[in-house]
Amino acid sequence: MKRVTRDEIKALFDRAEKERFAVPAFNYSDMWDIRAIIEAAEEMRSPVILMCDPPVYKELGGSMSCELADMFIQRAKVPVIHHLDHSETPQNCVEAIDFGFHSVMMDASSSPIDENIAIVKSVAEYAHDRGVFVEAEIGRIRGESEYETSYTGEDYLFDLREALRLVRESGCDSLAIGIGNAHGFYRGAPELNFDKLAEADQAIDIPLVLHGGTGIPAELVGRCISGGIRKVNVGTAVYTSYMNGIRAKLLMDGENQFTYDVMKSGVDTTKNVIRDWIEACGARGKA
């Protein structure tokens, strides 16, 4: 299994900070969308993060998830990081680390700050001893989702004092912040608080992460990156483009099609979306 270390991931984010781009991160569900993500990244010479969200992790299991991703990572011509997205339990993080994930997210953002710190710290200590990178979250990512944590309240903006405590006391390596971003499709125009982003960028010295990329226009993504975001998560756009490509092929050609022909259509439509997001992140040519 190809191991990408915490130090290598930190070095990539250091470069992203210096060159003012964001590392694009995409959720996957099977071998076909993994193929789409990596092929598009190779074509554009971009580093990329493959993210396994909780339902996929539960369905495939940690071992199969790692084996599946590693088959592609071993052959990839660009840097690829395998990341566990939105784990809500330390146990899942520990298991994923033991199976070989390069990076894990311990999402305890729904807990009071003292609990968030304690939970993330326990994961970070275990992870760092094994060379694994850890992402935490502060504030809330809005939206309703079957695939990631859901929050529909109004108290979603991060608190800077709590964010600084979380970074300082937990030892996390990157931080997802709530600035009005949302999982899934936005029900209106995204309302991102760039004053809060500037506040975080000035005070926090680890990479900042933007969740809920789907539905944020490219110009606002660029503004987020200029404001300090160094990783952009995209999930819903990947899933929907993949399934819409498959659906279009089936509707066009009808029944009794060969599996590869149908799935290839999903790969092609997904690659188009991945290319657009790599471009939006400013990551073209950064591999």
C-alpha atoms as a PDB file:
ATOM      1  CA  MET A   1       0.000   0.000   0.000  1.00  0.00           C
ATOM      2  CA  LYS A   2       1.304   3.444  -0.940  1.00  0.00           C
ATOM      3  CA  ARG A   3       1.646   5.577   2.174  1.00  0.00           C
ATOM      4  CA  VAL A   4       1.383   9.360   1.871  1.00  0.00           C
ATOM      5  CA  THR A   5       2.666  10.798   5.125  1.00  0.00           C
ATOM      6  CA  ARG A   6       1.468  13.678   7.236  1.00  0.00           C
ATOM      7  CA  ASP A   7       4.691  15.544   6.443  1.00  0.00           C
ATOM      8  CA  GLU A   8       4.085  15.147   2.708  1.00  0.00           C
ATOM      9  CA  ILE A   9       0.522  16.414   3.057  1.00  0.00           C
ATOM     10  CA  LYS A  10       1.679  19.384   5.126  1.00  0.00           C
ATOM     11  CA  ALA A  11       4.295  20.148   2.468  1.00  0.00           C
ATOM     12  CA  LEU A  12       1.577  20.172  -0.216  1.00  0.00           C
ATOM     13  CA  PHE A  13      -0.520  22.607   1.814  1.00  0.00           C
ATOM     14  CA  ASP A  14       2.558  24.765   2.471  1.00  0.00           C
ATOM     15  CA  ARG A  15       3.044  24.974  -1.274  1.00  0.00           C
ATOM     16  CA  ALA A  16      -0.639  25.774  -1.773  1.00  0.00           C
ATOM     17  CA  GLU A  17      -0.284  28.627   0.711  1.00  0.00           C
ATOM     18  CA  LYS A  18       2.817  29.962  -0.992  1.00  0.00           C
ATOM     19  CA  GLU A  19       1.354  29.705  -4.501  1.00  0.00           C
ATOM     20  CA  ARG A  20      -2.195  30.702  -3.466  1.00  0.00           C
ATOM     21  CA  PHE A  21      -4.207  27.736  -4.697  1.00  0.00           C
ATOM     22  CA  ALA A  22      -6.473  25.185  -3.027  1.00  0.00           C
ATOM     23  CA  VAL A  23      -6.112  21.414  -3.140  1.00  0.00           C
ATOM     24  CA  PRO A  24      -9.316  20.010  -4.697  1.00  0.00           C
ATOM     25  CA  ALA A  25     -10.966  17.209  -2.697  1.00  0.00           C
ATOM     26  CA  PHE A  26     -13.674  14.963  -4.143  1.00  0.00           C
ATOM     27  CA  ASN A  27     -15.977  12.390  -2.570  1.00  0.00           C
ATOM     28  CA  TYR A  28     -16.135   9.028  -4.304  1.00  0.00           C
ATOM     29  CA  SER A  29     -18.544   6.096  -4.177  1.00  0.00           C
ATOM     30  CA  ASP A  30     -16.928   3.369  -6.300  1.00  0.00           C
ATOM     31  CA  MET A  31     -14.124   2.540  -8.733  1.00  0.00           C
ATOM     32  CA  TRP A  32     -15.706   4.418 -11.630  1.00  0.00           C
ATOM     33  CA  ASP A  33     -15.824   7.847 -10.040  1.00  0.00           C
ATOM     34  CA  ILE A  34     -12.376   7.276  -8.513  1.00  0.00           C
ATOM     35  CA  ARG A  35     -11.182   6.640 -12.056  1.00  0.00           C
ATOM     36  CA  ALA A  36     -12.842   9.862 -13.235  1.00  0.00           C
ATOM     37  CA  ILE A  37     -11.251  11.909 -10.450  1.00  0.00           C
ATOM     38  CA  ILE A  38      -7.738  10.609 -11.017  1.00  0.00           C
ATOM     39  CA  GLU A  39      -7.868  10.694 -14.819  1.00  0.00           C
ATOM     40  CA  ALA A  40      -9.036  14.306 -14.755  1.00  0.00           C
ATOM     41  CA  ALA A  41      -6.329  15.193 -12.216  1.00  0.00           C
ATOM     42  CA  GLU A  42      -3.682  13.566 -14.390  1.00  0.00           C
ATOM     43  CA  GLU A  43      -4.885  15.388 -17.504  1.00  0.00           C
ATOM     44  CA  MET A  44      -4.671  18.710 -15.659  1.00  0.00           C
ATOM     45  CA  ARG A  45      -1.524  17.843 -13.688  1.00  0.00           C
ATOM     46  CA  SER A  46      -3.245  18.571 -10.382  1.00  0.00           C
ATOM     47  CA  PRO A  47      -2.817  17.079  -6.926  1.00  0.00           C
ATOM     48  CA  VAL A  48      -6.087  15.678  -5.637  1.00  0.00           C
ATOM     49  CA  ILE A  49      -7.698  14.315  -2.488  1.00  0.00           C
ATOM     50  CA  LEU A  50      -9.982  11.280  -2.679  1.00  0.00           C
ATOM     51  CA  MET A  51     -12.559  11.485   0.106  1.00  0.00           C
ATOM     52  CA  CYS A  52     -14.515   8.584   1.551  1.00  0.00           C
ATOM     53  CA  ASP A  53     -17.676   9.796   3.295  1.00  0.00           C
ATOM     54  CA  PRO A  54     -19.422   7.900   6.121  1.00  0.00           C
ATOM     55  CA  PRO A  55     -22.062   6.007   4.080  1.00  0.00           C
ATOM     56  CA  VAL A  56     -19.445   4.790   1.589  1.00  0.00           C
ATOM     57  CA  TYR A  57     -17.101   3.861   4.425  1.00  0.00           C
ATOM     58  CA  LYS A  58     -19.902   1.956   6.133  1.00  0.00           C
ATOM     59  CA  GLU A  59     -20.925   0.155   2.944  1.00  0.00           C
ATOM     60  CA  LEU A  60     -17.456  -0.765   1.663  1.00  0.00           C
ATOM     61  CA  GLY A  61     -15.671  -1.029   4.993  1.00  0.00           C
ATOM     62  CA  GLY A  62     -12.304   0.519   5.803  1.00  0.00           C
ATOM     63  CA  SER A  63     -10.222  -2.295   4.350  1.00  0.00           C
ATOM     64  CA  MET A  64     -12.004  -2.409   0.992  1.00  0.00           C
ATOM     65  CA  SER A  65     -12.076   1.399   0.762  1.00  0.00           C
ATOM     66  CA  CYS A  66      -8.308   1.498   1.201  1.00  0.00           C
ATOM     67  CA  GLU A  67      -7.647  -1.358  -1.185  1.00  0.00           C
ATOM     68  CA  LEU A  68      -9.873   0.182  -3.840  1.00  0.00           C
ATOM     69  CA  ALA A  69      -8.324   3.634  -3.564  1.00  0.00           C
ATOM     70  CA  ASP A  70      -4.802   2.238  -3.373  1.00  0.00           C
ATOM     71  CA  MET A  71      -5.168   0.386  -6.682  1.00  0.00           C
ATOM     72  CA  PHE A  72      -5.576   3.766  -8.368  1.00  0.00           C
ATOM     73  CA  ILE A  73      -3.158   5.712  -6.157  1.00  0.00           C
ATOM     74  CA  GLN A  74      -0.334   3.269  -6.915  1.00  0.00           C
ATOM     75  CA  ARG A  75      -0.713   3.967 -10.628  1.00  0.00           C
ATOM     76  CA  ALA A  76      -1.486   7.680 -10.448  1.00  0.00           C
ATOM     77  CA  LYS A  77       0.897  10.108 -12.135  1.00  0.00           C
ATOM     78  CA  VAL A  78      -0.042  12.926  -9.749  1.00  0.00           C
ATOM     79  CA  PRO A  79      -0.109  13.195  -5.929  1.00  0.00           C
ATOM     80  CA  VAL A  80      -3.268  11.561  -4.518  1.00  0.00           C
ATOM     81  CA  ILE A  81      -4.255  11.632  -0.841  1.00  0.00           C
ATOM     82  CA  HIS A  82      -6.858   9.251   0.600  1.00  0.00           C
ATOM     83  CA  HIS A  83      -8.989  10.967   3.241  1.00  0.00           C
ATOM     84  CA  LEU A  84     -11.798   9.848   5.574  1.00  0.00           C
ATOM     85  CA  ASP A  85     -14.418  12.591   5.434  1.00  0.00           C
ATOM     86  CA  HIS A  86     -16.729  13.642   8.284  1.00  0.00           C
ATOM     87  CA  SER A  87     -16.116  10.858  10.755  1.00  0.00           C
ATOM     88  CA  GLU A  88     -18.327  11.478  13.770  1.00  0.00           C
ATOM     89  CA  THR A  89     -16.601   8.916  16.003  1.00  0.00           C
ATOM     90  CA  PRO A  90     -12.974   8.559  17.080  1.00  0.00           C
ATOM     91  CA  GLN A  91     -13.355   4.811  16.615  1.00  0.00           C
ATOM     92  CA  ASN A  92     -13.908   5.205  12.875  1.00  0.00           C
ATOM     93  CA  CYS A  93     -10.868   7.446  12.617  1.00  0.00           C
ATOM     94  CA  VAL A  94      -8.683   4.965  14.486  1.00  0.00           C
ATOM     95  CA  GLU A  95      -9.935   2.100  12.330  1.00  0.00           C
ATOM     96  CA  ALA A  96      -9.357   4.076   9.126  1.00  0.00           C
ATOM     97  CA  ILE A  97      -5.839   4.980  10.231  1.00  0.00           C
ATOM     98  CA  ASP A  98      -5.060   1.343  10.948  1.00  0.00           C
ATOM     99  CA  PHE A  99      -6.354   0.345   7.513  1.00  0.00           C
ATOM    100  CA  GLY A 100      -4.070   2.876   5.848  1.00  0.00           C
ATOM    101  CA  PHE A 101      -5.952   6.149   5.238  1.00  0.00           C
ATOM    102  CA  HIS A 102      -3.486   9.010   4.791  1.00  0.00           C
ATOM    103  CA  SER A 103      -5.743  11.613   6.401  1.00  0.00           C
ATOM    104  CA  VAL A 104      -8.872  11.642   8.562  1.00  0.00           C
ATOM    105  CA  MET A 105     -11.458  14.227   9.528  1.00  0.00           C
ATOM    106  CA  MET A 106     -12.755  14.077  13.082  1.00  0.00           C
ATOM    107  CA  ASP A 107     -15.959  16.104  12.957  1.00  0.00           C
ATOM    108  CA  ALA A 108     -16.993  16.929  16.515  1.00  0.00           C
ATOM    109  CA  SER A 109     -18.352  20.356  15.553  1.00  0.00           C
ATOM    110  CA  SER A 110     -21.797  19.536  16.958  1.00  0.00           C
ATOM    111  CA  SER A 111     -20.266  19.117  20.439  1.00  0.00           C
ATOM    112  CA  PRO A 112     -19.442  21.915  22.910  1.00  0.00           C
ATOM    113  CA  ILE A 113     -15.966  23.294  22.351  1.00  0.00           C
ATOM    114  CA  ASP A 114     -14.339  21.468  25.272  1.00  0.00           C
ATOM    115  CA  GLU A 115     -15.650  18.148  23.962  1.00  0.00           C
ATOM    116  CA  ASN A 116     -14.660  19.015  20.405  1.00  0.00           C
ATOM    117  CA  ILE A 117     -11.116  19.707  21.575  1.00  0.00           C
ATOM    118  CA  ALA A 118     -10.864  16.530  23.660  1.00  0.00           C
ATOM    119  CA  ILE A 119     -12.226  14.296  20.892  1.00  0.00           C
ATOM    120  CA  VAL A 120     -10.030  15.770  18.156  1.00  0.00           C
ATOM    121  CA  LYS A 121      -6.991  15.678  20.442  1.00  0.00           C
ATOM    122  CA  SER A 122      -7.452  11.958  21.092  1.00  0.00           C
ATOM    123  CA  VAL A 123      -7.569  11.292  17.349  1.00  0.00           C
ATOM    124  CA  ALA A 124      -4.662  13.634  16.570  1.00  0.00           C
ATOM    125  CA  GLU A 125      -2.396  11.966  19.110  1.00  0.00           C
ATOM    126  CA  TYR A 126      -3.128   8.529  17.672  1.00  0.00           C
ATOM    127  CA  ALA A 127      -2.840   9.744  14.086  1.00  0.00           C
ATOM    128  CA  HIS A 128       0.360  11.732  14.461  1.00  0.00           C
ATOM    129  CA  ASP A 129       2.170   8.819  16.047  1.00  0.00           C
ATOM    130  CA  ARG A 130       1.423   6.957  12.798  1.00  0.00           C
ATOM    131  CA  GLY A 131       2.178   9.774  10.368  1.00  0.00           C
ATOM    132  CA  VAL A 132      -1.476  10.558   9.553  1.00  0.00           C
ATOM    133  CA  PHE A 133      -2.930  14.030   8.928  1.00  0.00           C
ATOM    134  CA  VAL A 134      -6.011  15.238  10.870  1.00  0.00           C
ATOM    135  CA  GLU A 135      -8.729  17.723   9.897  1.00  0.00           C
ATOM    136  CA  ALA A 136     -11.141  19.212  12.454  1.00  0.00           C
ATOM    137  CA  GLU A 137     -14.185  21.463  12.137  1.00  0.00           C
ATOM    138  CA  ILE A 138     -15.439  24.562  13.926  1.00  0.00           C
ATOM    139  CA  GLY A 139     -18.756  26.303  13.341  1.00  0.00           C
ATOM    140  CA  ARG A 140     -21.391  24.370  11.415  1.00  0.00           C
ATOM    141  CA  ILE A 141     -21.693  23.466   7.754  1.00  0.00           C
ATOM    142  CA  ARG A 142     -25.269  24.188   6.775  1.00  0.00           C
ATOM    143  CA  GLY A 143     -27.641  22.015   4.756  1.00  0.00           C
ATOM    144  CA  GLU A 144     -29.448  18.703   4.955  1.00  0.00           C
ATOM    145  CA  SER A 145     -27.621  15.649   3.690  1.00  0.00           C
ATOM    146  CA  GLU A 146     -27.877  11.886   3.949  1.00  0.00           C
ATOM    147  CA  TYR A 147     -24.173  11.665   3.261  1.00  0.00           C
ATOM    148  CA  GLU A 148     -22.620  14.167   5.653  1.00  0.00           C
ATOM    149  CA  THR A 149     -23.502  15.949   8.877  1.00  0.00           C
ATOM    150  CA  SER A 150     -26.655  18.089   8.606  1.00  0.00           C
ATOM    151  CA  TYR A 151     -27.396  21.426  10.240  1.00  0.00           C
ATOM    152  CA  THR A 152     -30.358  23.707   9.568  1.00  0.00           C
ATOM    153  CA  GLY A 153     -30.042  26.197  12.432  1.00  0.00           C
ATOM    154  CA  GLU A 154     -28.828  29.789  12.309  1.00  0.00           C
ATOM    155  CA  ASP A 155     -25.824  29.580  14.647  1.00  0.00           C
ATOM    156  CA  TYR A 156     -23.428  28.357  11.977  1.00  0.00           C
ATOM    157  CA  LEU A 157     -20.577  30.902  11.879  1.00  0.00           C
ATOM    158  CA  PHE A 158     -17.420  29.845  13.674  1.00  0.00           C
ATOM    159  CA  ASP A 159     -16.213  31.656  16.786  1.00  0.00           C
ATOM    160  CA  LEU A 160     -12.584  32.764  16.454  1.00  0.00           C
ATOM    161  CA  ARG A 161     -11.691  32.252  20.094  1.00  0.00           C
ATOM    162  CA  GLU A 162     -13.028  28.713  19.971  1.00  0.00           C
ATOM    163  CA  ALA A 163     -11.248  28.084  16.673  1.00  0.00           C
ATOM    164  CA  LEU A 164      -7.921  29.200  18.139  1.00  0.00           C
ATOM    165  CA  ARG A 165      -8.455  26.968  21.163  1.00  0.00           C
ATOM    166  CA  LEU A 166      -9.293  23.989  18.964  1.00  0.00           C
ATOM    167  CA  VAL A 167      -6.157  24.438  16.860  1.00  0.00           C
ATOM    168  CA  ARG A 168      -3.879  25.096  19.816  1.00  0.00           C
ATOM    169  CA  GLU A 169      -5.180  22.452  22.201  1.00  0.00           C
ATOM    170  CA  SER A 170      -6.123  19.591  19.868  1.00  0.00           C
ATOM    171  CA  GLY A 171      -3.113  19.608  17.565  1.00  0.00           C
ATOM    172  CA  CYS A 172      -5.238  19.281  14.401  1.00  0.00           C
ATOM    173  CA  ASP A 173      -3.474  19.873  11.092  1.00  0.00           C
ATOM    174  CA  SER A 174      -6.227  21.651   9.131  1.00  0.00           C
ATOM    175  CA  LEU A 175      -9.517  23.283  10.022  1.00  0.00           C
ATOM    176  CA  ALA A 176     -12.891  23.341   8.267  1.00  0.00           C
ATOM    177  CA  ILE A 177     -14.727  26.538   9.138  1.00  0.00           C
ATOM    178  CA  GLY A 178     -18.381  27.511   8.940  1.00  0.00           C
ATOM    179  CA  ILE A 179     -18.739  30.785   7.017  1.00  0.00           C
ATOM    180  CA  GLY A 180     -22.226  30.211   5.574  1.00  0.00           C
ATOM    181  CA  ASN A 181     -21.223  27.345   3.274  1.00  0.00           C
ATOM    182  CA  ALA A 182     -23.589  24.387   2.957  1.00  0.00           C
ATOM    183  CA  HIS A 183     -23.569  20.718   2.011  1.00  0.00           C
ATOM    184  CA  GLY A 184     -25.559  19.683  -1.047  1.00  0.00           C
ATOM    185  CA  PHE A 185     -27.304  22.077  -3.403  1.00  0.00           C
ATOM    186  CA  TYR A 186     -27.914  25.618  -2.175  1.00  0.00           C
ATOM    187  CA  ARG A 187     -31.535  26.715  -1.980  1.00  0.00           C
ATOM    188  CA  GLY A 188     -30.568  30.208  -3.047  1.00  0.00           C
ATOM    189  CA  ALA A 189     -27.396  32.133  -3.766  1.00  0.00           C
ATOM    190  CA  PRO A 190     -24.584  31.169  -1.357  1.00  0.00           C
ATOM    191  CA  GLU A 191     -24.161  33.739   1.410  1.00  0.00           C
ATOM    192  CA  LEU A 192     -20.543  33.436   2.477  1.00  0.00           C
ATOM    193  CA  ASN A 193     -19.178  35.654   5.215  1.00  0.00           C
ATOM    194  CA  PHE A 194     -15.838  36.869   3.866  1.00  0.00           C
ATOM    195  CA  ASP A 195     -15.197  39.003   6.943  1.00  0.00           C
ATOM    196  CA  LYS A 196     -15.161  35.808   9.024  1.00  0.00           C
ATOM    197  CA  LEU A 197     -12.867  34.153   6.491  1.00  0.00           C
ATOM    198  CA  ALA A 198     -10.448  37.086   6.711  1.00  0.00           C
ATOM    199  CA  GLU A 199     -10.575  36.839  10.495  1.00  0.00           C
ATOM    200  CA  ALA A 200      -9.605  33.171  10.310  1.00  0.00           C
ATOM    201  CA  ASP A 201      -6.892  33.712   7.719  1.00  0.00           C
ATOM    202  CA  GLN A 202      -5.201  36.377   9.812  1.00  0.00           C
ATOM    203  CA  ALA A 203      -5.266  34.449  13.080  1.00  0.00           C
ATOM    204  CA  ILE A 204      -5.044  30.721  12.242  1.00  0.00           C
ATOM    205  CA  ASP A 205      -1.780  29.268  11.004  1.00  0.00           C
ATOM    206  CA  ILE A 206      -2.955  25.894   9.653  1.00  0.00           C
ATOM    207  CA  PRO A 207      -4.740  25.244   6.327  1.00  0.00           C
ATOM    208  CA  LEU A 208      -8.373  26.345   6.168  1.00  0.00           C
ATOM    209  CA  VAL A 209     -10.927  24.063   4.516  1.00  0.00           C
ATOM    210  CA  LEU A 210     -14.125  24.970   2.647  1.00  0.00           C
ATOM    211  CA  HIS A 211     -16.823  22.298   2.740  1.00  0.00           C
ATOM    212  CA  GLY A 212     -19.919  22.387   0.553  1.00  0.00           C
ATOM    213  CA  GLY A 213     -18.229  23.411  -2.675  1.00  0.00           C
ATOM    214  CA  THR A 214     -21.123  22.276  -4.889  1.00  0.00           C
ATOM    215  CA  GLY A 215     -23.230  25.265  -5.834  1.00  0.00           C
ATOM    216  CA  ILE A 216     -20.631  27.925  -5.040  1.00  0.00           C
ATOM    217  CA  PRO A 217     -19.853  29.850  -8.255  1.00  0.00           C
ATOM    218  CA  ALA A 218     -16.268  29.742  -9.488  1.00  0.00           C
ATOM    219  CA  GLU A 219     -15.759  33.445  -8.821  1.00  0.00           C
ATOM    220  CA  LEU A 220     -16.712  33.002  -5.156  1.00  0.00           C
ATOM    221  CA  VAL A 221     -14.484  29.935  -4.892  1.00  0.00           C
ATOM    222  CA  GLY A 222     -11.645  32.071  -6.211  1.00  0.00           C
ATOM    223  CA  ARG A 223     -12.440  34.747  -3.652  1.00  0.00           C
ATOM    224  CA  CYS A 224     -12.365  32.113  -0.882  1.00  0.00           C
ATOM    225  CA  ILE A 225      -8.954  30.917  -2.077  1.00  0.00           C
ATOM    226  CA  SER A 226      -7.649  34.481  -2.207  1.00  0.00           C
ATOM    227  CA  GLY A 227      -8.995  34.802   1.347  1.00  0.00           C
ATOM    228  CA  GLY A 228      -7.034  31.836   2.670  1.00  0.00           C
ATOM    229  CA  ILE A 229      -8.896  28.604   1.831  1.00  0.00           C
ATOM    230  CA  ARG A 230      -6.431  25.824   0.961  1.00  0.00           C
ATOM    231  CA  LYS A 231      -8.724  22.813   0.475  1.00  0.00           C
ATOM    232  CA  VAL A 232     -12.105  22.777  -1.252  1.00  0.00           C
ATOM    233  CA  ASN A 233     -14.472  19.818  -0.734  1.00  0.00           C
ATOM    234  CA  VAL A 234     -16.838  18.765  -3.520  1.00  0.00           C
ATOM    235  CA  GLY A 235     -19.234  15.857  -3.134  1.00  0.00           C
ATOM    236  CA  THR A 236     -22.739  16.396  -4.482  1.00  0.00           C
ATOM    237  CA  ALA A 237     -21.490  17.641  -7.868  1.00  0.00           C
ATOM    238  CA  VAL A 238     -19.492  14.426  -8.262  1.00  0.00           C
ATOM    239  CA  TYR A 239     -22.351  12.091  -7.320  1.00  0.00           C
ATOM    240  CA  THR A 240     -24.943  13.825  -9.462  1.00  0.00           C
ATOM    241  CA  SER A 241     -22.782  14.204 -12.574  1.00  0.00           C
ATOM    242  CA  TYR A 242     -21.840  10.538 -12.328  1.00  0.00           C
ATOM    243  CA  MET A 243     -25.407   9.303 -12.008  1.00  0.00           C
ATOM    244  CA  ASN A 244     -26.759  11.766 -14.571  1.00  0.00           C
ATOM    245  CA  GLY A 245     -24.238  10.484 -17.115  1.00  0.00           C
ATOM    246  CA  ILE A 246     -25.349   6.915 -16.504  1.00  0.00           C
ATOM    247  CA  ARG A 247     -29.023   7.897 -16.679  1.00  0.00           C
ATOM    248  CA  ALA A 248     -28.542   9.770 -19.962  1.00  0.00           C
ATOM    249  CA  LYS A 249     -26.828   6.769 -21.550  1.00  0.00           C
ATOM    250  CA  LEU A 250     -29.591   4.390 -20.460  1.00  0.00           C
ATOM    251  CA  LEU A 251     -32.330   6.721 -21.692  1.00  0.00           C
ATOM    252  CA  MET A 252     -30.581   7.210 -25.011  1.00  0.00           C
ATOM    253  CA  ASP A 253     -29.732   3.587 -25.807  1.00  0.00           C
ATOM    254  CA  GLY A 254     -32.321   1.639 -23.833  1.00  0.00           C
ATOM    255  CA  GLU A 255     -32.043  -1.779 -22.244  1.00  0.00           C
ATOM    256  CA  ASN A 256     -29.483  -4.583 -22.511  1.00  0.00           C
ATOM    257  CA  GLN A 257     -26.393  -2.391 -22.699  1.00  0.00           C
ATOM    258  CA  PHE A 258     -22.896  -3.549 -21.854  1.00  0.00           C
ATOM    259  CA  THR A 259     -21.858  -2.490 -18.330  1.00  0.00           C
ATOM    260  CA  TYR A 260     -18.633  -0.778 -19.399  1.00  0.00           C
ATOM    261  CA  ASP A 261     -20.370   1.371 -22.025  1.00  0.00           C
ATOM    262  CA  VAL A 262     -22.862   2.649 -19.477  1.00  0.00           C
ATOM    263  CA  MET A 263     -20.336   3.270 -16.696  1.00  0.00           C
ATOM    264  CA  LYS A 264     -17.946   4.970 -19.110  1.00  0.00           C
ATOM    265  CA  SER A 265     -20.643   7.567 -19.741  1.00  0.00           C
ATOM    266  CA  GLY A 266     -20.715   8.269 -16.001  1.00  0.00           C
ATOM    267  CA  VAL A 267     -16.926   8.562 -15.962  1.00  0.00           C
ATOM    268  CA  ASP A 268     -16.938  11.045 -18.844  1.00  0.00           C
ATOM    269  CA  THR A 269     -19.570  13.355 -17.348  1.00  0.00           C
ATOM    270  CA  THR A 270     -17.847  13.236 -13.960  1.00  0.00           C
ATOM    271  CA  LYS A 271     -14.470  14.114 -15.495  1.00  0.00           C
ATOM    272  CA  ASN A 272     -15.974  17.291 -16.939  1.00  0.00           C
ATOM    273  CA  VAL A 273     -17.066  18.383 -13.457  1.00  0.00           C
ATOM    274  CA  ILE A 274     -13.715  17.454 -11.896  1.00  0.00           C
ATOM    275  CA  ARG A 275     -11.842  19.489 -14.514  1.00  0.00           C
ATOM    276  CA  ASP A 276     -13.997  22.531 -13.795  1.00  0.00           C
ATOM    277  CA  TRP A 277     -13.332  22.262 -10.065  1.00  0.00           C
ATOM    278  CA  ILE A 278      -9.595  21.788 -10.498  1.00  0.00           C
ATOM    279  CA  GLU A 279      -9.618  24.957 -12.580  1.00  0.00           C
ATOM    280  CA  ALA A 280     -11.685  26.796  -9.969  1.00  0.00           C
ATOM    281  CA  CYS A 281      -9.203  25.771  -7.251  1.00  0.00           C
ATOM    282  CA  GLY A 282      -6.284  27.120  -9.275  1.00  0.00           C
ATOM    283  CA  ALA A 283      -4.686  23.666  -9.060  1.00  0.00           C
ATOM    284  CA  ARG A 284      -4.024  23.057 -12.763  1.00  0.00           C
ATOM    285  CA  GLY A 285      -0.307  22.332 -13.265  1.00  0.00           C
ATOM    286  CA  LYS A 286       0.404  22.144  -9.516  1.00  0.00           C
ATOM    287  CA  ALA A 287       1.263  18.416  -9.439  1.00  0.00           C
END
